[in-house]
């Protein structure tokens, strides 16, 4: 779970106008899809799972913000 401080930091990044919540969510979704096409032996399976888990948590947090 993101701490309140981290949520605020993420919110400030989005509010700065660099990228919208929707654009960031789409980009993170695309990142998850891209992970499915990594060549074997590039990363440890657990490392990839940890990255996917972290991305999914951010996506869920962004979707709840709406």
N, C-alpha and C. Protein backbone atom coordinates (compact mmCIF):
# COMPACT_ATOMS: atom_id res chain seq x y z
N UNK A 1 0.84 -1.18 0.00
CA UNK A 1 0.00 0.00 0.00
C UNK A 1 0.88 1.24 0.00
N UNK A 2 0.50 2.21 -0.81
CA UNK A 2 1.25 3.47 -0.85
C UNK A 2 0.97 4.27 0.42
N UNK A 3 2.03 4.83 0.99
CA UNK A 3 1.85 5.70 2.15
C UNK A 3 1.21 7.00 1.68
N UNK A 4 0.67 7.75 2.62
CA UNK A 4 0.04 9.02 2.28
C UNK A 4 1.05 9.95 1.61
N UNK A 5 2.28 9.95 2.09
CA UNK A 5 3.33 10.80 1.52
C UNK A 5 3.61 10.41 0.06
N UNK A 6 3.69 9.12 -0.19
CA UNK A 6 3.95 8.65 -1.55
C UNK A 6 2.77 8.93 -2.47
N UNK A 7 1.56 8.81 -1.94
CA UNK A 7 0.38 9.13 -2.72
C UNK A 7 0.38 10.61 -3.10
N UNK A 8 0.75 11.45 -2.16
CA UNK A 8 0.82 12.88 -2.43
C UNK A 8 1.88 13.19 -3.48
N UNK A 9 3.02 12.52 -3.39
CA UNK A 9 4.09 12.73 -4.37
C UNK A 9 3.63 12.32 -5.77
N UNK A 10 2.99 11.18 -5.86
CA UNK A 10 2.46 10.70 -7.13
C UNK A 10 1.41 11.68 -7.66
N UNK A 11 0.57 12.16 -6.78
CA UNK A 11 -0.46 13.12 -7.17
C UNK A 11 0.15 14.41 -7.69
N UNK A 12 1.23 14.88 -7.06
CA UNK A 12 1.90 16.10 -7.51
C UNK A 12 2.51 15.92 -8.89
N UNK A 13 3.07 14.74 -9.14
CA UNK A 13 3.63 14.46 -10.47
C UNK A 13 2.55 14.53 -11.54
N UNK A 14 1.39 13.99 -11.22
CA UNK A 14 0.29 13.98 -12.18
C UNK A 14 -0.28 15.39 -12.32
N UNK A 15 -0.44 16.09 -11.20
CA UNK A 15 -1.00 17.44 -11.22
C UNK A 15 -0.09 18.45 -11.89
N UNK A 16 1.20 18.13 -12.01
CA UNK A 16 2.14 19.07 -12.63
C UNK A 16 1.85 19.25 -14.12
N UNK A 17 0.99 18.41 -14.66
CA UNK A 17 0.60 18.55 -16.06
C UNK A 17 1.50 17.81 -17.02
N UNK A 18 2.51 17.13 -16.50
CA UNK A 18 3.41 16.38 -17.39
C UNK A 18 2.69 15.22 -18.06
N UNK A 19 1.80 14.60 -17.32
CA UNK A 19 1.06 13.46 -17.85
C UNK A 19 -0.24 13.34 -17.07
N UNK A 20 -1.29 12.97 -17.76
CA UNK A 20 -2.57 12.81 -17.08
C UNK A 20 -2.63 11.45 -16.41
N UNK A 21 -3.55 11.32 -15.49
CA UNK A 21 -3.75 10.03 -14.81
C UNK A 21 -4.06 8.94 -15.82
N UNK A 22 -4.90 9.28 -16.79
CA UNK A 22 -5.29 8.29 -17.80
C UNK A 22 -4.09 7.87 -18.65
N UNK A 23 -3.26 8.86 -19.04
CA UNK A 23 -2.08 8.53 -19.85
C UNK A 23 -1.10 7.68 -19.07
N UNK A 24 -0.88 8.01 -17.79
CA UNK A 24 0.03 7.23 -16.96
C UNK A 24 -0.49 5.81 -16.77
N UNK A 25 -1.79 5.69 -16.54
CA UNK A 25 -2.40 4.37 -16.38
C UNK A 25 -2.22 3.53 -17.64
N UNK A 26 -2.46 4.12 -18.81
CA UNK A 26 -2.28 3.40 -20.07
C UNK A 26 -0.82 2.99 -20.26
N UNK A 27 0.10 3.89 -19.91
CA UNK A 27 1.52 3.59 -20.06
C UNK A 27 1.93 2.43 -19.14
N UNK A 28 1.45 2.45 -17.91
CA UNK A 28 1.77 1.36 -16.98
C UNK A 28 1.15 0.05 -17.44
N UNK A 29 -0.08 0.11 -17.95
CA UNK A 29 -0.71 -1.10 -18.50
C UNK A 29 0.13 -1.66 -19.64
N UNK A 30 0.63 -0.78 -20.51
CA UNK A 30 1.46 -1.21 -21.63
C UNK A 30 2.75 -1.85 -21.11
N UNK A 31 3.30 -1.28 -20.04
CA UNK A 31 4.52 -1.84 -19.45
C UNK A 31 4.30 -3.26 -18.95
N UNK A 32 3.15 -3.48 -18.35
CA UNK A 32 2.82 -4.84 -17.89
C UNK A 32 2.75 -5.78 -19.08
N UNK A 33 2.09 -5.36 -20.15
CA UNK A 33 2.00 -6.19 -21.35
C UNK A 33 3.38 -6.48 -21.93
N UNK A 34 4.25 -5.47 -21.96
CA UNK A 34 5.59 -5.64 -22.52
C UNK A 34 6.40 -6.67 -21.73
N UNK A 35 6.16 -6.75 -20.43
CA UNK A 35 6.89 -7.71 -19.60
C UNK A 35 6.64 -9.16 -20.04
N UNK A 36 5.50 -9.40 -20.67
CA UNK A 36 5.19 -10.75 -21.13
C UNK A 36 6.09 -11.19 -22.28
N UNK A 37 6.75 -10.23 -22.93
CA UNK A 37 7.56 -10.55 -24.11
C UNK A 37 9.06 -10.47 -23.86
N UNK A 38 9.46 -10.43 -22.60
CA UNK A 38 10.89 -10.40 -22.26
C UNK A 38 11.49 -11.76 -22.61
N UNK A 39 12.67 -11.72 -23.17
CA UNK A 39 13.35 -12.97 -23.52
C UNK A 39 13.73 -13.75 -22.26
N UNK A 40 13.77 -15.05 -22.40
CA UNK A 40 14.13 -15.91 -21.28
C UNK A 40 15.52 -15.56 -20.77
N UNK A 41 15.71 -15.75 -19.49
CA UNK A 41 16.99 -15.55 -18.81
C UNK A 41 17.46 -14.09 -18.79
N UNK A 42 16.55 -13.14 -19.10
CA UNK A 42 16.91 -11.73 -19.01
C UNK A 42 16.86 -11.29 -17.55
N UNK A 43 15.77 -11.66 -16.88
CA UNK A 43 15.58 -11.34 -15.46
C UNK A 43 15.11 -12.59 -14.75
N UNK A 44 15.31 -12.61 -13.45
CA UNK A 44 14.79 -13.68 -12.61
C UNK A 44 13.26 -13.57 -12.58
N UNK A 45 12.58 -14.68 -12.58
CA UNK A 45 11.11 -14.69 -12.58
C UNK A 45 10.55 -13.88 -11.41
N UNK A 46 11.14 -14.01 -10.25
CA UNK A 46 10.65 -13.29 -9.06
C UNK A 46 10.83 -11.78 -9.24
N UNK A 47 11.91 -11.35 -9.86
CA UNK A 47 12.13 -9.92 -10.11
C UNK A 47 11.02 -9.36 -11.00
N UNK A 48 10.67 -10.10 -12.03
CA UNK A 48 9.62 -9.66 -12.94
C UNK A 48 8.27 -9.62 -12.21
N UNK A 49 8.01 -10.62 -11.41
CA UNK A 49 6.75 -10.64 -10.66
C UNK A 49 6.67 -9.45 -9.71
N UNK A 50 7.78 -9.09 -9.08
CA UNK A 50 7.79 -7.94 -8.18
C UNK A 50 7.50 -6.64 -8.93
N UNK A 51 8.06 -6.50 -10.13
CA UNK A 51 7.82 -5.31 -10.94
C UNK A 51 6.34 -5.24 -11.35
N UNK A 52 5.80 -6.35 -11.80
CA UNK A 52 4.39 -6.39 -12.21
C UNK A 52 3.50 -6.04 -11.02
N UNK A 53 3.81 -6.60 -9.86
CA UNK A 53 3.01 -6.32 -8.67
C UNK A 53 3.04 -4.83 -8.34
N UNK A 54 4.20 -4.22 -8.39
CA UNK A 54 4.33 -2.79 -8.09
C UNK A 54 3.56 -1.94 -9.10
N UNK A 55 3.68 -2.28 -10.37
CA UNK A 55 2.96 -1.53 -11.40
C UNK A 55 1.46 -1.66 -11.21
N UNK A 56 1.00 -2.85 -10.94
CA UNK A 56 -0.44 -3.06 -10.73
C UNK A 56 -0.95 -2.24 -9.54
N UNK A 57 -0.17 -2.16 -8.47
CA UNK A 57 -0.58 -1.37 -7.30
C UNK A 57 -0.73 0.10 -7.66
N UNK A 58 0.19 0.62 -8.46
CA UNK A 58 0.11 2.02 -8.89
C UNK A 58 -1.11 2.22 -9.78
N UNK A 59 -1.34 1.29 -10.70
CA UNK A 59 -2.50 1.39 -11.59
C UNK A 59 -3.79 1.42 -10.77
N UNK A 60 -3.91 0.52 -9.81
CA UNK A 60 -5.10 0.48 -8.98
C UNK A 60 -5.28 1.76 -8.18
N UNK A 61 -4.18 2.30 -7.65
CA UNK A 61 -4.25 3.56 -6.91
C UNK A 61 -4.70 4.69 -7.81
N UNK A 62 -4.23 4.71 -9.04
CA UNK A 62 -4.62 5.78 -9.97
C UNK A 62 -6.09 5.66 -10.36
N UNK A 63 -6.54 4.46 -10.53
CA UNK A 63 -7.95 4.27 -10.91
C UNK A 63 -8.89 4.63 -9.77
N UNK A 64 -8.48 4.42 -8.54
CA UNK A 64 -9.31 4.78 -7.38
C UNK A 64 -9.43 6.29 -7.22
N UNK A 65 -8.44 7.02 -7.72
CA UNK A 65 -8.40 8.47 -7.57
C UNK A 65 -9.52 9.16 -8.33
N UNK A 66 -10.02 8.54 -9.38
CA UNK A 66 -11.03 9.15 -10.25
C UNK A 66 -12.30 9.49 -9.52
